N, C-alpha and C. Protein backbone atom coordinates (compact mmCIF):
# COMPACT_ATOMS: atom_id res chain seq x y z
N MET A 1 20.68 28.84 -32.91
CA MET A 1 21.90 28.30 -33.41
C MET A 1 22.81 29.42 -33.29
N LEU A 2 24.19 29.33 -32.79
CA LEU A 2 25.19 29.97 -32.83
C LEU A 2 26.43 29.63 -33.51
N ARG A 3 27.06 30.28 -34.49
CA ARG A 3 28.06 30.11 -35.29
C ARG A 3 28.94 31.08 -35.64
N GLN A 4 30.09 30.97 -36.56
CA GLN A 4 30.87 31.99 -36.86
C GLN A 4 30.20 32.20 -38.38
N LEU A 5 30.52 33.50 -38.51
CA LEU A 5 29.72 34.17 -39.60
C LEU A 5 30.70 34.21 -40.61
N ALA A 6 30.42 34.19 -41.96
CA ALA A 6 31.17 33.96 -43.02
C ALA A 6 30.79 35.69 -43.87
N LEU A 7 31.72 35.78 -44.68
CA LEU A 7 31.60 37.09 -45.50
C LEU A 7 30.06 37.02 -46.09
N ALA A 8 29.53 36.21 -46.42
CA ALA A 8 28.31 35.88 -47.07
C ALA A 8 27.24 36.46 -45.88
N ASP A 9 27.51 36.60 -44.91
CA ASP A 9 26.68 37.04 -43.71
C ASP A 9 26.80 38.65 -43.50
N MET A 10 27.62 39.12 -43.99
CA MET A 10 27.86 40.66 -43.86
C MET A 10 26.96 41.36 -44.08
N GLY A 11 25.76 41.29 -45.00
CA GLY A 11 24.81 42.14 -45.03
C GLY A 11 23.73 42.13 -43.76
N ALA A 12 23.64 40.81 -43.37
CA ALA A 12 22.73 40.51 -42.23
C ALA A 12 23.46 41.08 -41.02
N ALA A 13 24.63 41.10 -40.90
CA ALA A 13 25.28 41.49 -39.67
C ALA A 13 25.30 42.99 -39.53
N ALA A 14 25.35 43.69 -40.70
CA ALA A 14 25.62 45.16 -40.93
C ALA A 14 23.79 45.63 -40.69
N GLN A 15 23.04 44.85 -41.07
CA GLN A 15 21.63 45.28 -40.62
C GLN A 15 21.29 45.17 -39.01
N VAL A 16 21.75 44.07 -38.59
CA VAL A 16 21.56 43.78 -36.89
C VAL A 16 22.20 44.90 -36.43
N HIS A 17 23.40 45.22 -36.79
CA HIS A 17 24.14 46.39 -36.08
C HIS A 17 23.32 47.79 -36.31
N ARG A 18 22.83 48.17 -37.46
CA ARG A 18 22.12 49.31 -37.65
C ARG A 18 20.97 49.26 -36.87
N ILE A 19 19.96 48.49 -36.80
CA ILE A 19 18.70 48.36 -36.18
C ILE A 19 18.89 48.45 -34.60
N ALA A 20 20.13 47.70 -33.91
CA ALA A 20 20.19 47.68 -32.56
C ALA A 20 21.02 49.13 -32.28
N PHE A 21 21.74 49.73 -32.89
CA PHE A 21 22.44 50.96 -32.74
C PHE A 21 21.47 52.18 -32.74
N ASP A 22 20.50 52.08 -33.65
CA ASP A 22 19.68 53.24 -33.97
C ASP A 22 18.60 53.03 -32.72
N GLN A 23 18.28 51.82 -32.25
CA GLN A 23 17.38 51.96 -30.97
C GLN A 23 17.90 52.26 -29.73
N ALA A 24 19.16 52.05 -29.50
CA ALA A 24 20.05 52.47 -28.29
C ALA A 24 20.46 53.85 -28.49
N MET A 25 20.80 54.32 -29.52
CA MET A 25 21.29 55.70 -29.74
C MET A 25 20.24 56.44 -30.74
N PRO A 26 19.21 56.61 -30.41
CA PRO A 26 18.23 57.34 -31.34
C PRO A 26 18.50 58.82 -31.70
N SER A 27 19.55 59.48 -30.78
CA SER A 27 19.91 60.69 -31.31
C SER A 27 21.07 60.67 -32.29
N LEU A 28 21.49 59.64 -32.68
CA LEU A 28 22.55 59.28 -33.69
C LEU A 28 21.77 58.60 -34.95
N LEU A 29 20.62 58.73 -34.80
CA LEU A 29 19.80 58.13 -36.04
C LEU A 29 20.36 58.60 -37.23
N GLY A 30 20.35 57.57 -38.37
CA GLY A 30 20.78 58.19 -39.53
C GLY A 30 22.52 58.50 -39.77
N LEU A 31 23.18 58.04 -38.94
CA LEU A 31 24.58 58.32 -38.99
C LEU A 31 25.34 57.71 -40.05
N ARG A 32 24.71 56.73 -40.60
CA ARG A 32 25.27 55.83 -41.85
C ARG A 32 23.86 55.39 -42.73
N THR A 33 24.48 55.41 -43.82
CA THR A 33 23.46 54.79 -44.73
C THR A 33 23.68 53.10 -44.78
N PRO A 34 22.76 52.42 -45.28
CA PRO A 34 23.03 50.87 -45.26
C PRO A 34 24.10 50.57 -46.13
N ASP A 35 24.41 51.18 -47.33
CA ASP A 35 25.73 50.90 -47.93
C ASP A 35 26.79 51.27 -47.19
N GLU A 36 27.00 52.32 -46.39
CA GLU A 36 28.07 52.45 -45.64
C GLU A 36 28.31 51.33 -44.74
N ASP A 37 27.20 50.98 -43.96
CA ASP A 37 27.26 49.67 -43.00
C ASP A 37 27.87 48.60 -43.75
N ARG A 38 27.23 48.29 -44.88
CA ARG A 38 27.77 47.15 -45.50
C ARG A 38 29.36 47.26 -45.83
N TRP A 39 29.77 48.18 -46.15
CA TRP A 39 31.06 48.64 -46.66
C TRP A 39 31.94 48.41 -45.36
N PHE A 40 31.58 48.79 -44.28
CA PHE A 40 32.43 49.01 -43.11
C PHE A 40 32.58 47.55 -42.60
N TYR A 41 31.42 46.68 -42.50
CA TYR A 41 31.45 45.31 -42.10
C TYR A 41 32.28 44.32 -43.32
N ARG A 42 32.15 44.79 -44.53
CA ARG A 42 33.04 44.00 -45.54
C ARG A 42 34.45 44.51 -45.30
N GLU A 43 34.90 45.60 -45.39
CA GLU A 43 36.21 46.13 -45.58
C GLU A 43 37.08 46.35 -44.07
N ARG A 44 36.13 46.53 -43.17
CA ARG A 44 37.00 46.65 -41.80
C ARG A 44 36.60 45.54 -40.58
N VAL A 45 35.38 44.97 -40.61
CA VAL A 45 35.18 44.17 -39.53
C VAL A 45 35.62 42.59 -39.75
N PHE A 46 34.84 42.13 -41.14
CA PHE A 46 35.36 40.87 -41.34
C PHE A 46 36.76 40.62 -41.68
N PRO A 47 37.31 41.31 -42.27
CA PRO A 47 38.96 40.96 -42.42
C PRO A 47 39.75 41.01 -41.13
N THR A 48 39.33 41.77 -40.05
CA THR A 48 40.20 42.11 -38.74
C THR A 48 39.61 41.32 -37.67
N CYS A 49 38.59 40.79 -37.65
CA CYS A 49 37.73 40.26 -36.54
C CYS A 49 37.38 38.76 -36.72
N ARG A 50 36.95 38.06 -35.53
CA ARG A 50 36.25 36.90 -35.69
C ARG A 50 34.74 37.25 -35.33
N VAL A 51 34.04 36.74 -36.25
CA VAL A 51 32.61 37.64 -36.01
C VAL A 51 31.73 36.13 -36.07
N TRP A 52 31.07 36.32 -35.05
CA TRP A 52 30.15 35.30 -34.53
C TRP A 52 28.40 35.87 -34.60
N GLY A 53 27.52 34.84 -34.78
CA GLY A 53 26.14 35.31 -34.70
C GLY A 53 25.21 34.31 -34.24
N ARG A 54 24.30 34.91 -33.69
CA ARG A 54 23.13 34.15 -32.80
C ARG A 54 21.88 34.00 -33.81
N PHE A 55 21.49 32.91 -34.54
CA PHE A 55 20.41 32.78 -35.35
C PHE A 55 18.84 32.27 -34.56
N GLU A 56 17.84 32.90 -34.91
CA GLU A 56 16.78 32.19 -34.25
C GLU A 56 16.17 31.76 -35.57
N GLY A 57 15.92 30.52 -36.02
CA GLY A 57 15.58 29.95 -37.23
C GLY A 57 16.63 30.59 -38.38
N ASP A 58 16.05 31.15 -39.33
CA ASP A 58 16.99 31.86 -40.31
C ASP A 58 17.29 33.39 -40.06
N VAL A 59 16.84 33.62 -39.08
CA VAL A 59 16.91 35.44 -38.78
C VAL A 59 18.38 35.53 -37.89
N LEU A 60 19.04 36.37 -38.34
CA LEU A 60 20.41 36.76 -37.30
C LEU A 60 19.68 37.63 -36.43
N SER A 61 19.89 37.42 -35.16
CA SER A 61 19.24 38.10 -33.99
C SER A 61 20.34 38.93 -33.04
N GLY A 62 21.64 38.32 -33.29
CA GLY A 62 22.75 39.20 -32.69
C GLY A 62 24.17 38.83 -32.95
N ILE A 63 25.18 39.69 -33.19
CA ILE A 63 26.39 39.63 -33.30
C ILE A 63 27.54 39.93 -32.64
N ILE A 64 28.80 39.47 -32.46
CA ILE A 64 29.66 39.79 -31.92
C ILE A 64 31.22 39.91 -33.13
N ALA A 65 31.92 40.70 -32.75
CA ALA A 65 33.11 40.90 -33.57
C ALA A 65 34.21 41.26 -32.61
N PHE A 66 35.20 40.10 -32.51
CA PHE A 66 36.35 40.53 -31.70
C PHE A 66 37.59 40.42 -32.20
N ARG A 67 38.73 40.74 -31.55
CA ARG A 67 40.06 40.47 -32.05
C ARG A 67 40.94 40.90 -30.92
N ASP A 68 42.04 40.06 -30.83
CA ASP A 68 43.25 40.43 -29.82
C ASP A 68 42.71 41.38 -28.64
N GLY A 69 41.76 40.53 -27.95
CA GLY A 69 41.32 41.22 -26.52
C GLY A 69 40.46 42.14 -26.70
N TRP A 70 40.03 42.71 -27.82
CA TRP A 70 38.96 43.60 -28.22
C TRP A 70 37.62 43.18 -28.59
N ILE A 71 36.65 43.62 -27.83
CA ILE A 71 35.16 43.42 -28.63
C ILE A 71 34.95 44.94 -29.46
N GLU A 72 34.99 44.64 -30.78
CA GLU A 72 34.84 45.72 -31.74
C GLU A 72 33.25 45.99 -31.88
N GLN A 73 32.44 44.98 -31.79
CA GLN A 73 31.12 45.29 -32.03
C GLN A 73 30.28 44.07 -31.19
N LEU A 74 28.98 44.52 -30.78
CA LEU A 74 28.32 43.69 -29.94
C LEU A 74 26.90 44.09 -30.03
N TYR A 75 26.00 43.57 -31.04
CA TYR A 75 24.70 44.13 -31.18
C TYR A 75 23.59 43.15 -31.28
N VAL A 76 22.70 43.37 -30.50
CA VAL A 76 21.45 42.26 -30.48
C VAL A 76 20.04 43.14 -30.71
N LEU A 77 19.43 42.46 -31.86
CA LEU A 77 18.16 43.08 -32.23
C LEU A 77 17.29 43.45 -31.00
N PRO A 78 16.51 44.38 -30.89
CA PRO A 78 15.81 44.82 -29.86
C PRO A 78 14.74 43.59 -29.34
N ALA A 79 14.07 43.26 -30.38
CA ALA A 79 13.24 41.88 -30.26
C ALA A 79 13.91 40.78 -29.32
N ALA A 80 15.24 40.66 -29.60
CA ALA A 80 15.88 39.55 -29.07
C ALA A 80 16.56 39.94 -27.60
N GLN A 81 16.52 41.11 -27.14
CA GLN A 81 17.25 41.55 -26.02
C GLN A 81 16.50 40.99 -24.79
N GLY A 82 17.43 40.92 -24.04
CA GLY A 82 16.77 40.25 -22.42
C GLY A 82 16.68 38.66 -22.46
N ARG A 83 16.92 37.88 -23.82
CA ARG A 83 16.71 36.65 -23.58
C ARG A 83 18.12 35.67 -23.62
N GLY A 84 19.06 36.39 -23.32
CA GLY A 84 20.44 35.86 -23.38
C GLY A 84 21.35 35.81 -24.64
N VAL A 85 20.93 36.33 -25.57
CA VAL A 85 21.63 36.27 -26.92
C VAL A 85 22.94 36.95 -26.80
N GLY A 86 22.83 38.38 -26.14
CA GLY A 86 24.19 39.09 -25.97
C GLY A 86 24.93 38.42 -24.88
N THR A 87 24.59 37.77 -23.76
CA THR A 87 25.41 36.68 -23.15
C THR A 87 26.08 35.63 -23.70
N GLU A 88 25.34 34.99 -24.54
CA GLU A 88 26.11 33.93 -25.27
C GLU A 88 26.93 34.19 -26.28
N LEU A 89 26.69 35.42 -26.83
CA LEU A 89 27.80 36.01 -27.82
C LEU A 89 29.09 36.45 -27.10
N LEU A 90 28.67 36.99 -25.91
CA LEU A 90 29.86 37.76 -25.17
C LEU A 90 30.76 36.30 -24.63
N ASP A 91 30.15 35.29 -24.36
CA ASP A 91 30.78 34.11 -23.83
C ASP A 91 31.58 33.41 -24.82
N VAL A 92 31.27 33.62 -26.03
CA VAL A 92 32.20 33.03 -27.19
C VAL A 92 33.55 33.68 -27.03
N ALA A 93 33.35 35.20 -27.00
CA ALA A 93 34.76 36.05 -27.06
C ALA A 93 35.49 35.71 -25.59
N LYS A 94 34.76 35.57 -24.41
CA LYS A 94 35.36 35.20 -23.24
C LYS A 94 36.20 34.10 -23.02
N ARG A 95 35.71 33.06 -24.08
CA ARG A 95 36.17 31.75 -23.97
C ARG A 95 37.70 31.73 -24.90
N ALA A 96 37.70 32.74 -25.94
CA ALA A 96 38.79 32.84 -26.71
C ALA A 96 39.80 33.71 -26.07
N CYS A 97 39.64 34.44 -25.03
CA CYS A 97 40.38 35.69 -24.43
C CYS A 97 40.43 35.46 -23.21
N ASP A 98 41.89 35.62 -22.76
CA ASP A 98 42.04 36.11 -21.04
C ASP A 98 41.59 37.39 -20.84
N ARG A 99 41.62 38.37 -21.38
CA ARG A 99 41.40 39.71 -21.37
C ARG A 99 40.51 40.40 -22.52
N LEU A 100 39.44 41.21 -22.20
CA LEU A 100 38.84 41.88 -23.21
C LEU A 100 38.48 43.26 -22.98
N GLU A 101 38.63 44.18 -23.81
CA GLU A 101 38.23 45.49 -23.49
C GLU A 101 37.29 45.88 -24.68
N LEU A 102 36.35 47.08 -24.46
CA LEU A 102 35.52 47.58 -25.29
C LEU A 102 35.31 49.05 -24.94
N TRP A 103 34.58 49.73 -25.85
CA TRP A 103 33.97 51.12 -25.63
C TRP A 103 32.71 50.97 -25.80
N THR A 104 31.99 51.70 -25.19
CA THR A 104 30.49 52.06 -25.18
C THR A 104 30.20 53.47 -24.84
N PHE A 105 29.06 54.03 -25.56
CA PHE A 105 28.92 55.22 -25.15
C PHE A 105 28.36 55.63 -23.74
N GLN A 106 28.31 56.68 -23.09
CA GLN A 106 28.09 56.98 -21.74
C GLN A 106 26.73 56.83 -21.72
N ARG A 107 26.01 57.58 -22.44
CA ARG A 107 24.46 57.59 -22.60
C ARG A 107 23.86 55.97 -22.64
N ASN A 108 24.49 54.97 -23.13
CA ASN A 108 24.18 53.93 -23.27
C ASN A 108 24.08 53.06 -22.23
N THR A 109 23.00 53.56 -21.06
CA THR A 109 23.16 53.01 -19.81
C THR A 109 22.88 51.29 -19.65
N ARG A 110 21.86 50.90 -20.71
CA ARG A 110 21.55 49.50 -20.81
C ARG A 110 23.11 48.77 -21.04
N ALA A 111 23.80 49.42 -21.94
CA ALA A 111 25.01 48.45 -22.30
C ALA A 111 25.75 48.35 -20.71
N HIS A 112 25.93 49.55 -20.01
CA HIS A 112 26.63 49.62 -18.70
C HIS A 112 26.15 48.54 -18.05
N ARG A 113 24.94 48.25 -17.78
CA ARG A 113 24.54 47.42 -16.75
C ARG A 113 24.74 46.18 -17.31
N PHE A 114 24.50 45.91 -18.63
CA PHE A 114 24.91 44.56 -19.19
C PHE A 114 26.46 44.13 -18.87
N TYR A 115 27.21 45.04 -19.39
CA TYR A 115 28.79 44.55 -19.23
C TYR A 115 29.02 44.50 -17.67
N GLU A 116 28.58 45.27 -16.93
CA GLU A 116 29.03 45.25 -15.63
C GLU A 116 28.50 43.93 -14.85
N ALA A 117 27.24 43.60 -15.25
CA ALA A 117 26.84 42.29 -14.79
C ALA A 117 27.43 41.33 -15.13
N ARG A 118 28.30 41.21 -16.13
CA ARG A 118 29.01 40.32 -16.60
C ARG A 118 30.61 40.38 -16.38
N GLY A 119 31.07 41.20 -15.42
CA GLY A 119 32.22 40.96 -15.00
C GLY A 119 33.20 42.32 -15.46
N PHE A 120 32.75 43.25 -16.40
CA PHE A 120 33.42 44.29 -16.69
C PHE A 120 33.65 45.36 -15.96
N VAL A 121 34.66 46.00 -15.83
CA VAL A 121 34.87 47.20 -15.09
C VAL A 121 35.33 48.46 -15.74
N GLN A 122 34.72 49.55 -15.30
CA GLN A 122 35.12 50.64 -15.89
C GLN A 122 36.58 51.06 -15.88
N VAL A 123 37.25 51.34 -16.71
CA VAL A 123 38.68 51.96 -16.63
C VAL A 123 38.74 53.36 -17.15
N GLU A 124 38.08 53.87 -18.04
CA GLU A 124 38.19 55.24 -18.51
C GLU A 124 37.25 55.82 -19.10
N GLN A 125 36.98 57.02 -18.96
CA GLN A 125 36.04 57.73 -19.66
C GLN A 125 36.35 59.07 -20.30
N THR A 126 35.95 59.19 -21.50
CA THR A 126 36.42 60.39 -22.33
C THR A 126 35.20 61.23 -22.64
N ALA A 127 35.59 62.28 -23.33
CA ALA A 127 34.48 63.22 -23.79
C ALA A 127 33.98 63.05 -25.23
N GLY A 128 34.80 61.88 -25.57
CA GLY A 128 34.32 61.40 -27.15
C GLY A 128 35.24 62.12 -28.27
N ALA A 129 36.32 62.82 -27.73
CA ALA A 129 37.02 63.37 -28.91
C ALA A 129 37.79 62.34 -29.82
N ARG A 130 37.95 61.36 -29.45
CA ARG A 130 38.48 60.08 -30.04
C ARG A 130 37.68 59.12 -31.00
N ASN A 131 36.42 59.46 -30.85
CA ASN A 131 35.55 58.72 -31.64
C ASN A 131 34.67 59.40 -32.80
N GLU A 132 34.31 58.78 -33.71
CA GLU A 132 33.68 59.46 -34.75
C GLU A 132 32.53 60.20 -34.57
N GLU A 133 31.82 59.73 -33.81
CA GLU A 133 30.26 60.25 -33.31
C GLU A 133 30.68 61.63 -32.51
N ARG A 134 31.79 61.86 -31.77
CA ARG A 134 32.11 62.74 -30.84
C ARG A 134 31.10 62.67 -29.58
N GLU A 135 30.97 61.41 -29.33
CA GLU A 135 29.77 61.08 -28.23
C GLU A 135 30.83 60.41 -26.90
N PRO A 136 30.48 61.28 -25.80
CA PRO A 136 31.15 60.72 -24.48
C PRO A 136 31.07 59.24 -24.41
N ASP A 137 32.39 58.49 -24.16
CA ASP A 137 32.29 57.22 -23.99
C ASP A 137 33.17 56.70 -22.89
N THR A 138 32.74 55.14 -22.66
CA THR A 138 33.52 54.54 -21.57
C THR A 138 34.16 53.32 -21.84
N ARG A 139 35.41 53.12 -21.46
CA ARG A 139 36.17 51.97 -21.86
C ARG A 139 35.90 50.99 -20.64
N TYR A 140 35.77 49.62 -20.99
CA TYR A 140 35.52 48.66 -20.19
C TYR A 140 36.55 47.48 -20.29
N VAL A 141 36.96 46.89 -19.38
CA VAL A 141 37.88 45.88 -19.43
C VAL A 141 37.25 44.68 -18.45
N TRP A 142 37.64 43.43 -18.94
CA TRP A 142 37.13 42.09 -18.22
C TRP A 142 38.45 41.28 -18.39
N ARG A 143 38.52 40.76 -17.29
CA ARG A 143 39.87 39.62 -17.14
C ARG A 143 39.14 38.44 -16.48
N ARG A 144 39.88 37.17 -17.13
CA ARG A 144 39.50 35.89 -16.79
C ARG A 144 40.31 35.71 -15.27
N ARG A 145 39.32 35.55 -14.48
CA ARG A 145 39.69 35.25 -13.10
C ARG A 145 40.69 33.85 -13.17
N THR A 146 41.68 33.70 -12.52
CA THR A 146 42.50 33.04 -12.55
C THR A 146 42.67 32.02 -10.83
N LEU A 147 42.61 30.58 -10.75
CA LEU A 147 42.67 30.15 -9.35
C LEU A 147 44.29 30.45 -8.66
N ASP A 148 44.18 31.14 -8.01
CA ASP A 148 45.37 31.38 -7.10
C ASP A 148 45.66 30.16 -6.14
N LEU A 149 46.63 29.23 -6.50
CA LEU A 149 46.75 27.97 -5.77
C LEU A 149 47.61 28.40 -4.36
N CYS A 150 47.99 29.24 -4.36
CA CYS A 150 48.79 29.73 -3.06
C CYS A 150 47.67 30.31 -1.88
N SER A 151 46.45 30.57 -2.55
CA SER A 151 45.79 31.14 -1.32
C SER A 151 44.47 29.97 -0.97
N LEU A 152 44.94 28.94 -1.41
CA LEU A 152 44.07 27.82 -1.03
C LEU A 152 44.39 27.20 0.34
N VAL A 153 43.36 27.07 1.17
CA VAL A 153 43.60 26.37 2.48
C VAL A 153 43.39 24.94 2.18
N VAL A 154 44.41 24.13 2.71
CA VAL A 154 44.49 22.57 2.64
C VAL A 154 43.84 22.31 4.09
């Protein structure tokens, strides 16, 4: 089941984030405590983003948080990866926005493959000076394709 999350889901969303993040970036393991993760979701993510989740039964298996053309968070539990959960969540944001941007760490090659396979294009790389982790990162952009009526052959 796919649905928009409520603040009551904040703890589960923070847990999905932490499990998926730690699996993707083990060198940053322990960056935050569970209490810090819950604070971040309660105070920063839920007040500013539309947050959606994918459930398998009662278990939250993936989340996406987006706003104003930006994907702030997209995480899928390792056990649910490769089964379309991330694509389904990404499609929620794509339906709501004509253009989306996001940052991902350069070392997260799985994320790069995921986004590029879904139409995102790399537009910038940095050494990580602007992110809290000081981890080199890449900015991606996706734009909705529009039908150019002038190019249609009649």
